[in-house]
């Protein structure tokens, strides 16, 4: 199970009203998310294509203006993760939901930085300290997805110069094999497995 799939599930379940996607870049998930909310807005600290180019730890919005906030695979990259989570809380309306995903067992991927990894307990602690009520927090993906991502980042890393064609071809087919095995796993979402490539959390203000 990948981040796009879990985001689709969580957005359909929790997202409403005006949604701010923090760390969204150009908004790669816009077409998937926009039909489920009244308005979809993007925020990013680097990508000038975002609706708001801003520091995630110092958002430019007033208090309590968004119904939903989303932060996908971004907290590992920001300088001030605690400050970012506090800002998600501040700009969210009372009763609104924050949805976030982060990597755990995943190779380093600078875009442009990569500072940290999170366990389920670590993520719950940080959101709780910011004032959120935790709705759910689970790992997603399987050990096979971890292997597939490791091969991908070794042979077809989008953040590094392209490898030669033979290496890239080998990587492509190896990734497909392990992704297929992973898709057959019974433990796509878990709160007990010790092997998971990423974590999601849903929290309410």
N, C-alpha and C. Protein backbone atom coordinates (compact mmCIF):
# COMPACT_ATOMS: atom_id res chain seq x y z
N UNK A 1 0.85 -1.19 0.00
CA UNK A 1 0.00 0.00 0.00
C UNK A 1 0.89 1.25 0.00
N UNK A 2 0.59 2.17 -0.91
CA UNK A 2 1.40 3.38 -1.00
C UNK A 2 0.67 4.59 -0.43
N UNK A 3 1.36 5.73 -0.41
CA UNK A 3 0.81 6.94 0.20
C UNK A 3 -0.41 7.45 -0.57
N UNK A 4 -0.40 7.33 -1.87
CA UNK A 4 -1.56 7.78 -2.64
C UNK A 4 -2.82 7.01 -2.23
N UNK A 5 -2.67 5.71 -2.06
CA UNK A 5 -3.83 4.87 -1.70
C UNK A 5 -4.35 5.22 -0.32
N UNK A 6 -3.46 5.35 0.68
CA UNK A 6 -3.92 5.65 2.03
C UNK A 6 -4.49 7.06 2.10
N UNK A 7 -3.93 7.99 1.33
CA UNK A 7 -4.47 9.35 1.31
C UNK A 7 -5.88 9.36 0.75
N UNK A 8 -6.09 8.61 -0.31
CA UNK A 8 -7.43 8.51 -0.91
C UNK A 8 -8.44 7.98 0.11
N UNK A 9 -8.06 6.96 0.85
CA UNK A 9 -8.95 6.38 1.86
C UNK A 9 -9.27 7.40 2.95
N UNK A 10 -8.25 8.08 3.45
CA UNK A 10 -8.44 8.99 4.58
C UNK A 10 -9.17 10.27 4.18
N UNK A 11 -8.89 10.77 3.00
CA UNK A 11 -9.58 11.97 2.54
C UNK A 11 -11.08 11.70 2.38
N UNK A 12 -11.42 10.58 1.80
CA UNK A 12 -12.83 10.22 1.63
C UNK A 12 -13.53 10.08 2.97
N UNK A 13 -12.80 9.64 3.99
CA UNK A 13 -13.38 9.38 5.29
C UNK A 13 -13.48 10.63 6.16
N UNK A 14 -12.48 11.54 6.07
CA UNK A 14 -12.40 12.62 7.03
C UNK A 14 -12.43 14.04 6.45
N UNK A 15 -12.02 14.24 5.22
CA UNK A 15 -11.85 15.60 4.71
C UNK A 15 -13.18 16.26 4.38
N UNK A 16 -13.30 17.54 4.75
CA UNK A 16 -14.48 18.33 4.43
C UNK A 16 -14.06 19.78 4.18
N UNK A 17 -14.99 20.57 3.64
CA UNK A 17 -14.81 22.02 3.54
C UNK A 17 -13.58 22.46 2.79
N UNK A 18 -12.87 23.44 3.34
CA UNK A 18 -11.66 23.98 2.73
C UNK A 18 -10.46 23.23 3.29
N UNK A 19 -9.67 22.64 2.40
CA UNK A 19 -8.53 21.83 2.81
C UNK A 19 -7.23 22.52 2.42
N UNK A 20 -6.29 22.60 3.36
CA UNK A 20 -4.95 23.12 3.10
C UNK A 20 -3.98 21.94 3.10
N UNK A 21 -3.29 21.75 1.97
CA UNK A 21 -2.31 20.68 1.80
C UNK A 21 -0.93 21.27 2.04
N UNK A 22 -0.35 21.02 3.21
CA UNK A 22 0.92 21.61 3.60
C UNK A 22 2.08 20.72 3.15
N UNK A 23 3.05 21.32 2.46
CA UNK A 23 4.14 20.55 1.88
C UNK A 23 3.72 19.85 0.61
N UNK A 24 2.78 20.45 -0.08
CA UNK A 24 2.14 19.79 -1.24
C UNK A 24 2.92 19.91 -2.53
N UNK A 25 3.93 20.80 -2.56
CA UNK A 25 4.58 21.06 -3.84
C UNK A 25 3.59 21.65 -4.82
N UNK A 26 3.55 21.09 -6.01
CA UNK A 26 2.62 21.58 -7.03
C UNK A 26 1.22 21.03 -6.86
N UNK A 27 1.04 20.10 -5.89
CA UNK A 27 -0.29 19.52 -5.66
C UNK A 27 -0.53 18.27 -6.47
N UNK A 28 0.33 17.28 -6.31
CA UNK A 28 0.25 16.07 -7.13
C UNK A 28 -1.02 15.26 -6.88
N UNK A 29 -1.64 15.45 -5.70
CA UNK A 29 -2.85 14.70 -5.38
C UNK A 29 -4.12 15.52 -5.58
N UNK A 30 -4.00 16.66 -6.22
CA UNK A 30 -5.15 17.56 -6.34
C UNK A 30 -6.35 16.90 -6.99
N UNK A 31 -6.14 16.22 -8.11
CA UNK A 31 -7.27 15.63 -8.83
C UNK A 31 -7.97 14.56 -8.00
N UNK A 32 -7.24 13.92 -7.11
CA UNK A 32 -7.82 12.89 -6.26
C UNK A 32 -8.58 13.50 -5.08
N UNK A 33 -8.05 14.58 -4.52
CA UNK A 33 -8.61 15.16 -3.30
C UNK A 33 -9.73 16.16 -3.57
N UNK A 34 -9.56 17.01 -4.58
CA UNK A 34 -10.47 18.13 -4.82
C UNK A 34 -11.94 17.75 -4.90
N UNK A 35 -12.31 16.61 -5.51
CA UNK A 35 -13.74 16.28 -5.59
C UNK A 35 -14.41 16.03 -4.23
N UNK A 36 -13.62 15.83 -3.18
CA UNK A 36 -14.18 15.48 -1.88
C UNK A 36 -14.23 16.65 -0.90
N UNK A 37 -13.76 17.82 -1.33
CA UNK A 37 -13.78 19.01 -0.47
C UNK A 37 -14.35 20.19 -1.24
N UNK A 38 -14.69 21.25 -0.52
CA UNK A 38 -15.23 22.45 -1.18
C UNK A 38 -14.14 23.23 -1.90
N UNK A 39 -12.95 23.25 -1.31
CA UNK A 39 -11.84 23.98 -1.92
C UNK A 39 -10.53 23.31 -1.51
N UNK A 40 -9.61 23.16 -2.46
CA UNK A 40 -8.31 22.54 -2.21
C UNK A 40 -7.23 23.59 -2.44
N UNK A 41 -6.43 23.87 -1.41
CA UNK A 41 -5.35 24.86 -1.51
C UNK A 41 -4.03 24.21 -1.12
N UNK A 42 -2.94 24.63 -1.78
CA UNK A 42 -1.63 24.05 -1.53
C UNK A 42 -0.70 25.06 -0.87
N UNK A 43 0.17 24.52 -0.02
CA UNK A 43 1.17 25.32 0.67
C UNK A 43 2.51 24.59 0.60
N UNK A 44 3.58 25.33 0.31
CA UNK A 44 4.89 24.70 0.22
C UNK A 44 5.98 25.74 0.48
N UNK A 45 7.07 25.29 1.06
CA UNK A 45 8.15 26.21 1.37
C UNK A 45 9.11 26.45 0.23
N UNK A 46 9.03 25.64 -0.84
CA UNK A 46 10.00 25.74 -1.93
C UNK A 46 9.36 25.86 -3.31
N UNK A 47 8.27 25.17 -3.54
CA UNK A 47 7.69 25.10 -4.88
C UNK A 47 6.83 26.34 -5.16
N UNK A 48 7.25 27.12 -6.13
CA UNK A 48 6.55 28.37 -6.44
C UNK A 48 5.21 28.13 -7.11
N UNK A 49 4.91 26.88 -7.48
CA UNK A 49 3.61 26.57 -8.07
C UNK A 49 2.52 26.41 -7.03
N UNK A 50 2.89 26.35 -5.75
CA UNK A 50 1.90 26.22 -4.68
C UNK A 50 1.08 27.50 -4.57
N UNK A 51 -0.14 27.37 -4.05
CA UNK A 51 -0.98 28.55 -3.83
C UNK A 51 -0.34 29.50 -2.82
N UNK A 52 0.30 28.92 -1.80
CA UNK A 52 0.98 29.73 -0.78
C UNK A 52 2.40 29.22 -0.62
N UNK A 53 3.38 30.07 -0.91
CA UNK A 53 4.78 29.71 -0.69
C UNK A 53 5.15 30.27 0.68
N UNK A 54 5.31 29.38 1.66
CA UNK A 54 5.44 29.81 3.04
C UNK A 54 6.14 28.75 3.88
N UNK A 55 6.71 29.19 4.98
CA UNK A 55 7.35 28.30 5.94
C UNK A 55 6.26 27.55 6.70
N UNK A 56 6.33 26.23 6.72
CA UNK A 56 5.28 25.44 7.35
C UNK A 56 5.21 25.68 8.86
N UNK A 57 6.29 26.16 9.46
CA UNK A 57 6.27 26.45 10.89
C UNK A 57 5.81 27.87 11.20
N UNK A 58 5.54 28.63 10.13
CA UNK A 58 5.03 30.00 10.29
C UNK A 58 4.04 30.28 9.16
N UNK A 59 2.93 29.58 9.15
CA UNK A 59 1.94 29.74 8.10
C UNK A 59 1.35 31.15 8.13
N UNK A 60 0.98 31.64 6.97
CA UNK A 60 0.54 33.03 6.84
C UNK A 60 -0.96 33.22 7.05
N UNK A 61 -1.67 32.19 7.46
CA UNK A 61 -3.13 32.23 7.56
C UNK A 61 -3.59 32.57 8.97
N UNK A 62 -4.81 33.09 9.06
CA UNK A 62 -5.39 33.41 10.36
C UNK A 62 -5.73 32.13 11.12
N UNK A 63 -6.02 32.27 12.39
CA UNK A 63 -6.38 31.13 13.22
C UNK A 63 -7.72 30.54 12.76
N UNK A 64 -7.81 29.20 12.77
CA UNK A 64 -9.08 28.52 12.57
C UNK A 64 -9.79 28.79 11.27
N UNK A 65 -9.08 28.76 10.14
CA UNK A 65 -9.71 29.09 8.86
C UNK A 65 -9.91 27.87 7.95
N UNK A 66 -9.32 26.72 8.29
CA UNK A 66 -9.43 25.54 7.42
C UNK A 66 -10.21 24.43 8.13
N UNK A 67 -11.02 23.74 7.34
CA UNK A 67 -11.79 22.62 7.87
C UNK A 67 -10.94 21.35 7.98
N UNK A 68 -9.97 21.22 7.08
CA UNK A 68 -9.10 20.05 7.05
C UNK A 68 -7.69 20.51 6.70
N UNK A 69 -6.69 19.91 7.34
CA UNK A 69 -5.30 20.13 6.93
C UNK A 69 -4.67 18.78 6.62
N UNK A 70 -3.87 18.77 5.57
CA UNK A 70 -3.20 17.56 5.12
C UNK A 70 -1.71 17.84 5.06
N UNK A 71 -0.91 16.87 5.50
CA UNK A 71 0.54 17.03 5.46
C UNK A 71 1.14 15.68 5.08
N UNK A 72 1.39 15.50 3.79
CA UNK A 72 1.80 14.21 3.26
C UNK A 72 3.30 14.14 3.04
N UNK A 73 3.97 13.22 3.76
CA UNK A 73 5.39 12.97 3.55
C UNK A 73 6.20 14.27 3.53
N UNK A 74 5.96 15.10 4.52
CA UNK A 74 6.65 16.39 4.58
C UNK A 74 7.32 16.66 5.92
N UNK A 75 6.80 16.10 7.01
CA UNK A 75 7.34 16.40 8.33
C UNK A 75 8.78 15.92 8.49
N UNK A 76 9.18 14.91 7.70
CA UNK A 76 10.57 14.46 7.77
C UNK A 76 11.53 15.45 7.11
N UNK A 77 10.99 16.38 6.32
CA UNK A 77 11.82 17.30 5.54
C UNK A 77 11.95 18.69 6.16
N UNK A 78 11.02 19.05 7.02
CA UNK A 78 11.01 20.42 7.54
C UNK A 78 11.99 20.58 8.69
N UNK A 79 12.51 21.79 8.85
CA UNK A 79 13.47 22.07 9.92
C UNK A 79 12.80 21.96 11.28
N UNK A 80 11.58 22.49 11.40
CA UNK A 80 10.89 22.55 12.67
C UNK A 80 9.59 21.74 12.59
N UNK A 81 9.68 20.45 12.86
CA UNK A 81 8.49 19.59 12.75
C UNK A 81 7.47 19.92 13.83
N UNK A 82 7.92 20.16 15.05
CA UNK A 82 7.00 20.50 16.14
C UNK A 82 6.27 21.80 15.84
N UNK A 83 7.01 22.79 15.32
CA UNK A 83 6.38 24.06 14.95
C UNK A 83 5.37 23.90 13.85
N UNK A 84 5.67 23.03 12.89
CA UNK A 84 4.74 22.77 11.79
C UNK A 84 3.44 22.15 12.31
N UNK A 85 3.55 21.16 13.19
CA UNK A 85 2.35 20.52 13.74
C UNK A 85 1.53 21.53 14.55
N UNK A 86 2.20 22.39 15.28
CA UNK A 86 1.48 23.44 16.04
C UNK A 86 0.74 24.39 15.10
N UNK A 87 1.34 24.67 13.95
CA UNK A 87 0.68 25.53 12.97
C UNK A 87 -0.51 24.84 12.33
N UNK A 88 -0.40 23.55 12.09
CA UNK A 88 -1.55 22.80 11.58
C UNK A 88 -2.72 22.92 12.55
N UNK A 89 -2.41 22.83 13.84
CA UNK A 89 -3.45 22.97 14.86
C UNK A 89 -4.03 24.38 14.86
N UNK A 90 -3.18 25.37 14.76
CA UNK A 90 -3.63 26.77 14.86
C UNK A 90 -4.58 27.15 13.73
N UNK A 91 -4.27 26.76 12.50
CA UNK A 91 -5.07 27.20 11.36
C UNK A 91 -6.32 26.35 11.15
N UNK A 92 -6.43 25.26 11.91
CA UNK A 92 -7.57 24.35 11.77
C UNK A 92 -8.75 24.84 12.62
N UNK A 93 -9.94 24.72 12.06
CA UNK A 93 -11.15 25.06 12.81
C UNK A 93 -11.38 24.06 13.94
N UNK A 94 -12.00 24.47 15.04
CA UNK A 94 -12.36 23.52 16.09
C UNK A 94 -13.21 22.39 15.51
N UNK A 95 -12.85 21.17 15.84
CA UNK A 95 -13.56 20.01 15.31
C UNK A 95 -13.03 19.53 13.98
N UNK A 96 -12.12 20.29 13.37
CA UNK A 96 -11.55 19.90 12.08
C UNK A 96 -10.51 18.81 12.22
N UNK A 97 -10.18 18.18 11.09
CA UNK A 97 -9.26 17.05 11.10
C UNK A 97 -7.93 17.39 10.44
N UNK A 98 -6.87 16.89 11.06
CA UNK A 98 -5.54 16.89 10.45
C UNK A 98 -5.21 15.48 10.01
N UNK A 99 -4.72 15.35 8.80
CA UNK A 99 -4.31 14.06 8.25
C UNK A 99 -2.84 14.19 7.86
N UNK A 100 -2.01 13.28 8.33
CA UNK A 100 -0.59 13.36 7.99
C UNK A 100 -0.02 11.97 7.74
N UNK A 101 0.95 11.89 6.84
CA UNK A 101 1.70 10.66 6.61
C UNK A 101 3.18 10.99 6.69
N UNK A 102 3.95 10.03 7.18
CA UNK A 102 5.41 10.21 7.30
C UNK A 102 6.09 8.87 7.03
N UNK A 103 7.36 8.88 6.61
CA UNK A 103 8.08 7.63 6.43
C UNK A 103 8.63 7.10 7.75
N UNK A 104 8.80 5.79 7.81
CA UNK A 104 9.48 5.16 8.94
C UNK A 104 10.67 4.35 8.42
N UNK A 105 10.42 3.17 7.84
CA UNK A 105 11.50 2.37 7.26
C UNK A 105 11.58 2.69 5.77
N UNK A 106 12.28 3.76 5.47
CA UNK A 106 12.33 4.28 4.10
C UNK A 106 13.69 4.92 3.87
N UNK A 107 14.30 4.71 2.69
CA UNK A 107 15.62 5.28 2.43
C UNK A 107 15.62 6.81 2.47
N UNK A 108 16.78 7.38 2.70
CA UNK A 108 16.92 8.84 2.66
C UNK A 108 16.53 9.37 1.29
N UNK A 109 15.77 10.47 1.28
CA UNK A 109 15.36 11.06 0.00
C UNK A 109 15.27 12.58 0.18
N UNK A 110 16.33 13.25 -0.17
CA UNK A 110 16.41 14.70 0.01
C UNK A 110 15.58 15.42 -1.05
N UNK A 111 14.68 16.29 -0.60
CA UNK A 111 13.85 17.04 -1.54
C UNK A 111 13.38 18.36 -0.91
N UNK A 112 14.24 19.31 -0.59
CA UNK A 112 15.70 19.26 -0.73
C UNK A 112 16.40 18.72 0.51
N UNK A 113 15.66 18.44 1.59
CA UNK A 113 16.26 17.95 2.83
C UNK A 113 15.53 16.71 3.31
N UNK A 114 16.14 16.00 4.25
CA UNK A 114 15.52 14.81 4.84
C UNK A 114 16.15 14.63 6.21
N UNK A 115 15.41 14.99 7.27
CA UNK A 115 15.99 15.08 8.60
C UNK A 115 15.70 13.90 9.53
N UNK A 116 14.54 13.21 9.39
CA UNK A 116 14.13 12.31 10.46
C UNK A 116 13.13 11.25 10.00
N UNK A 117 12.92 10.24 10.86
CA UNK A 117 11.92 9.19 10.66
C UNK A 117 11.04 9.08 11.91
N UNK A 118 9.83 8.56 11.74
CA UNK A 118 8.86 8.52 12.82
C UNK A 118 8.30 7.13 13.04
N UNK A 119 8.15 6.75 14.32
CA UNK A 119 7.36 5.57 14.69
C UNK A 119 5.93 6.04 14.98
N UNK A 120 5.03 5.08 15.19
CA UNK A 120 3.66 5.44 15.55
C UNK A 120 3.64 6.22 16.86
N UNK A 121 4.37 5.73 17.86
CA UNK A 121 4.38 6.40 19.16
C UNK A 121 4.92 7.82 19.06
N UNK A 122 5.96 8.00 18.26
CA UNK A 122 6.53 9.33 18.11
C UNK A 122 5.56 10.31 17.50
N UNK A 123 4.82 9.86 16.51
CA UNK A 123 3.87 10.73 15.84
C UNK A 123 2.71 11.08 16.77
N UNK A 124 2.20 10.10 17.51
CA UNK A 124 1.13 10.35 18.47
C UNK A 124 1.58 11.36 19.52
N UNK A 125 2.80 11.21 20.01
CA UNK A 125 3.31 12.13 21.02
C UNK A 125 3.35 13.56 20.51
N UNK A 126 3.86 13.75 19.31
CA UNK A 126 4.00 15.10 18.77
C UNK A 126 2.66 15.78 18.53
N UNK A 127 1.71 15.04 17.98
CA UNK A 127 0.38 15.63 17.73
C UNK A 127 -0.37 15.88 19.04
N UNK A 128 -0.20 14.98 19.99
CA UNK A 128 -0.86 15.17 21.29
C UNK A 128 -0.31 16.40 22.00
N UNK A 129 1.00 16.59 21.95
CA UNK A 129 1.62 17.74 22.60
C UNK A 129 1.18 19.06 21.97
N UNK A 130 0.80 19.01 20.70
CA UNK A 130 0.32 20.22 20.02
C UNK A 130 -1.14 20.53 20.36
N UNK A 131 -1.82 19.61 21.07
CA UNK A 131 -3.20 19.84 21.48
C UNK A 131 -4.22 18.98 20.77
N UNK A 132 -3.79 18.18 19.80
CA UNK A 132 -4.73 17.36 19.03
C UNK A 132 -5.27 16.19 19.84
N UNK A 133 -6.48 15.78 19.48
CA UNK A 133 -7.06 14.52 19.95
C UNK A 133 -6.79 13.48 18.87
N UNK A 134 -6.15 12.39 19.22
CA UNK A 134 -5.77 11.38 18.23
C UNK A 134 -6.98 10.51 17.90
N UNK A 135 -7.29 10.43 16.62
CA UNK A 135 -8.40 9.61 16.14
C UNK A 135 -7.90 8.22 15.75
N UNK A 136 -6.84 8.16 14.97
CA UNK A 136 -6.21 6.89 14.63
C UNK A 136 -4.79 7.14 14.16
N UNK A 137 -3.93 6.16 14.39
CA UNK A 137 -2.54 6.24 13.95
C UNK A 137 -2.04 4.82 13.71
N UNK A 138 -1.65 4.53 12.48
CA UNK A 138 -1.25 3.16 12.13
C UNK A 138 -0.12 3.19 11.10
N UNK A 139 0.63 2.09 11.09
CA UNK A 139 1.59 1.89 10.01
C UNK A 139 0.87 1.38 8.78
N UNK A 140 1.43 1.66 7.61
CA UNK A 140 0.84 1.11 6.39
C UNK A 140 1.92 0.62 5.46
N UNK A 141 1.54 -0.34 4.61
CA UNK A 141 2.51 -1.02 3.77
C UNK A 141 3.04 -2.26 4.48
N UNK A 142 3.89 -3.01 3.79
CA UNK A 142 4.41 -4.26 4.33
C UNK A 142 5.93 -4.31 4.17
N UNK A 143 6.54 -5.38 4.70
CA UNK A 143 7.98 -5.54 4.55
C UNK A 143 8.36 -5.64 3.08
N UNK A 144 7.45 -6.16 2.24
CA UNK A 144 7.71 -6.26 0.81
C UNK A 144 7.76 -4.88 0.16
N UNK A 145 6.93 -3.97 0.65
CA UNK A 145 6.98 -2.60 0.15
C UNK A 145 8.29 -1.91 0.55
N UNK A 146 8.80 -2.26 1.73
CA UNK A 146 10.09 -1.71 2.16
C UNK A 146 11.19 -2.15 1.20
N UNK A 147 11.18 -3.43 0.83
CA UNK A 147 12.17 -3.95 -0.11
C UNK A 147 12.02 -3.26 -1.47
N UNK A 148 10.77 -3.12 -1.94
CA UNK A 148 10.53 -2.47 -3.24
C UNK A 148 11.04 -1.04 -3.24
N UNK A 149 10.77 -0.30 -2.17
CA UNK A 149 11.22 1.10 -2.10
C UNK A 149 12.74 1.18 -2.01
N UNK A 150 13.37 0.24 -1.33
CA UNK A 150 14.83 0.23 -1.24
C UNK A 150 15.46 -0.01 -2.61
N UNK A 151 14.86 -0.92 -3.37
CA UNK A 151 15.35 -1.16 -4.74
C UNK A 151 15.12 0.08 -5.60
N UNK A 152 13.96 0.68 -5.47
CA UNK A 152 13.64 1.88 -6.25
C UNK A 152 14.65 2.99 -6.00
N UNK A 153 14.95 3.23 -4.72
CA UNK A 153 15.85 4.33 -4.39
C UNK A 153 17.29 4.00 -4.74
N UNK A 154 17.61 2.72 -4.94
CA UNK A 154 18.96 2.32 -5.34
C UNK A 154 19.15 2.32 -6.85
N UNK A 155 18.06 2.06 -7.59
CA UNK A 155 18.21 1.89 -9.04
C UNK A 155 17.49 2.95 -9.87
N UNK A 156 16.46 3.57 -9.30
CA UNK A 156 15.64 4.53 -10.06
C UNK A 156 15.32 5.75 -9.21
N UNK A 157 16.28 6.17 -8.39
CA UNK A 157 16.08 7.27 -7.45
C UNK A 157 15.76 8.57 -8.18
N UNK A 158 14.55 9.12 -8.00
CA UNK A 158 14.18 10.34 -8.72
C UNK A 158 14.91 11.58 -8.20
N UNK A 159 15.59 11.47 -7.06
CA UNK A 159 16.28 12.61 -6.47
C UNK A 159 17.77 12.64 -6.82
N UNK A 160 18.25 11.63 -7.56
CA UNK A 160 19.65 11.55 -7.93
C UNK A 160 19.78 11.41 -9.45
N UNK A 161 20.98 11.61 -10.01
CA UNK A 161 21.16 11.43 -11.46
C UNK A 161 20.74 10.03 -11.90
N UNK A 162 20.25 9.93 -13.11
CA UNK A 162 19.75 8.65 -13.63
C UNK A 162 20.86 7.61 -13.70
N UNK A 163 20.55 6.38 -13.28
CA UNK A 163 21.47 5.25 -13.42
C UNK A 163 21.44 4.76 -14.86
N UNK A 164 22.38 3.85 -15.21
CA UNK A 164 22.41 3.35 -16.59
C UNK A 164 21.17 2.50 -16.85
N UNK A 165 20.89 2.28 -18.12
CA UNK A 165 19.65 1.65 -18.55
C UNK A 165 19.49 0.24 -17.99
N UNK A 166 20.56 -0.55 -17.96
CA UNK A 166 20.47 -1.93 -17.47
C UNK A 166 20.06 -1.95 -16.00
N UNK A 167 20.67 -1.07 -15.20
CA UNK A 167 20.34 -1.00 -13.77
C UNK A 167 18.90 -0.56 -13.59
N UNK A 168 18.47 0.42 -14.38
CA UNK A 168 17.11 0.93 -14.26
C UNK A 168 16.08 -0.12 -14.67
N UNK A 169 16.39 -0.89 -15.73
CA UNK A 169 15.49 -1.95 -16.17
C UNK A 169 15.37 -3.04 -15.11
N UNK A 170 16.53 -3.43 -14.55
CA UNK A 170 16.51 -4.43 -13.48
C UNK A 170 15.66 -3.94 -12.31
N UNK A 171 15.89 -2.69 -11.92
CA UNK A 171 15.14 -2.10 -10.82
C UNK A 171 13.65 -2.10 -11.09
N UNK A 172 13.26 -1.74 -12.31
CA UNK A 172 11.85 -1.66 -12.66
C UNK A 172 11.14 -3.00 -12.42
N UNK A 173 11.72 -4.08 -12.95
CA UNK A 173 11.06 -5.38 -12.84
C UNK A 173 11.12 -5.93 -11.41
N UNK A 174 12.23 -5.69 -10.72
CA UNK A 174 12.33 -6.15 -9.33
C UNK A 174 11.31 -5.43 -8.45
N UNK A 175 11.14 -4.13 -8.68
CA UNK A 175 10.16 -3.35 -7.92
C UNK A 175 8.76 -3.91 -8.15
N UNK A 176 8.43 -4.18 -9.41
CA UNK A 176 7.09 -4.70 -9.73
C UNK A 176 6.82 -6.03 -9.02
N UNK A 177 7.84 -6.89 -8.96
CA UNK A 177 7.67 -8.19 -8.31
C UNK A 177 7.35 -8.01 -6.83
N UNK A 178 8.15 -7.18 -6.14
CA UNK A 178 7.95 -7.01 -4.70
C UNK A 178 6.68 -6.21 -4.39
N UNK A 179 6.33 -5.27 -5.27
CA UNK A 179 5.07 -4.56 -5.08
C UNK A 179 3.88 -5.51 -5.21
N UNK A 180 3.96 -6.44 -6.15
CA UNK A 180 2.89 -7.42 -6.31
C UNK A 180 2.77 -8.30 -5.07
N UNK A 181 3.91 -8.78 -4.58
CA UNK A 181 3.89 -9.61 -3.37
C UNK A 181 3.30 -8.80 -2.21
N UNK A 182 3.72 -7.53 -2.11
CA UNK A 182 3.21 -6.68 -1.05
C UNK A 182 1.72 -6.46 -1.14
N UNK A 183 1.20 -6.35 -2.36
CA UNK A 183 -0.24 -6.13 -2.54
C UNK A 183 -1.07 -7.31 -2.08
N UNK A 184 -0.44 -8.49 -1.99
CA UNK A 184 -1.14 -9.69 -1.53
C UNK A 184 -1.06 -9.87 -0.02
N UNK A 185 -0.31 -8.99 0.64
CA UNK A 185 -0.14 -9.10 2.09
C UNK A 185 -1.45 -8.79 2.80
N UNK A 186 -1.69 -9.50 3.90
CA UNK A 186 -2.91 -9.29 4.69
C UNK A 186 -2.78 -8.10 5.63
N UNK A 187 -1.56 -7.62 5.81
CA UNK A 187 -1.31 -6.57 6.80
C UNK A 187 -0.92 -5.26 6.12
N UNK A 188 -1.83 -4.71 5.33
CA UNK A 188 -1.57 -3.46 4.64
C UNK A 188 -1.63 -2.26 5.59
N UNK A 189 -2.51 -2.33 6.58
CA UNK A 189 -2.63 -1.29 7.60
C UNK A 189 -2.57 -1.99 8.95
N UNK A 190 -1.69 -1.53 9.85
CA UNK A 190 -1.50 -2.26 11.09
C UNK A 190 -1.14 -1.33 12.23
N UNK A 191 -1.60 -1.68 13.43
CA UNK A 191 -1.17 -0.97 14.63
C UNK A 191 -0.32 -1.87 15.51
N UNK A 192 0.14 -3.01 14.95
CA UNK A 192 0.95 -3.93 15.74
C UNK A 192 2.23 -4.37 15.03
N UNK A 193 2.27 -4.36 13.69
CA UNK A 193 3.45 -4.81 12.97
C UNK A 193 4.65 -3.93 13.30
N UNK A 194 5.84 -4.53 13.40
CA UNK A 194 7.05 -3.75 13.67
C UNK A 194 7.76 -3.37 12.37
N UNK A 195 7.27 -3.87 11.23
CA UNK A 195 7.84 -3.53 9.93
C UNK A 195 6.80 -2.81 9.09
N UNK A 196 7.00 -1.52 8.90
CA UNK A 196 6.10 -0.74 8.06
C UNK A 196 6.89 0.42 7.45
N UNK A 197 6.70 0.65 6.16
CA UNK A 197 7.47 1.72 5.51
C UNK A 197 7.03 3.11 5.91
N UNK A 198 5.78 3.28 6.31
CA UNK A 198 5.28 4.62 6.59
C UNK A 198 4.17 4.57 7.63
N UNK A 199 3.82 5.75 8.14
CA UNK A 199 2.81 5.87 9.19
C UNK A 199 1.82 6.95 8.79
N UNK A 200 0.54 6.76 9.15
CA UNK A 200 -0.42 7.85 8.99
C UNK A 200 -1.04 8.16 10.34
N UNK A 201 -1.46 9.39 10.48
CA UNK A 201 -2.19 9.80 11.68
C UNK A 201 -3.36 10.67 11.29
N UNK A 202 -4.47 10.49 11.97
CA UNK A 202 -5.63 11.39 11.85
C UNK A 202 -5.88 11.95 13.24
N UNK A 203 -5.96 13.26 13.35
CA UNK A 203 -6.14 13.91 14.64
C UNK A 203 -7.18 15.02 14.52
N UNK A 204 -7.89 15.27 15.59
CA UNK A 204 -8.95 16.27 15.58
C UNK A 204 -8.62 17.41 16.55
N UNK A 205 -8.98 18.61 16.13
CA UNK A 205 -8.77 19.77 17.02
C UNK A 205 -9.94 19.92 17.98
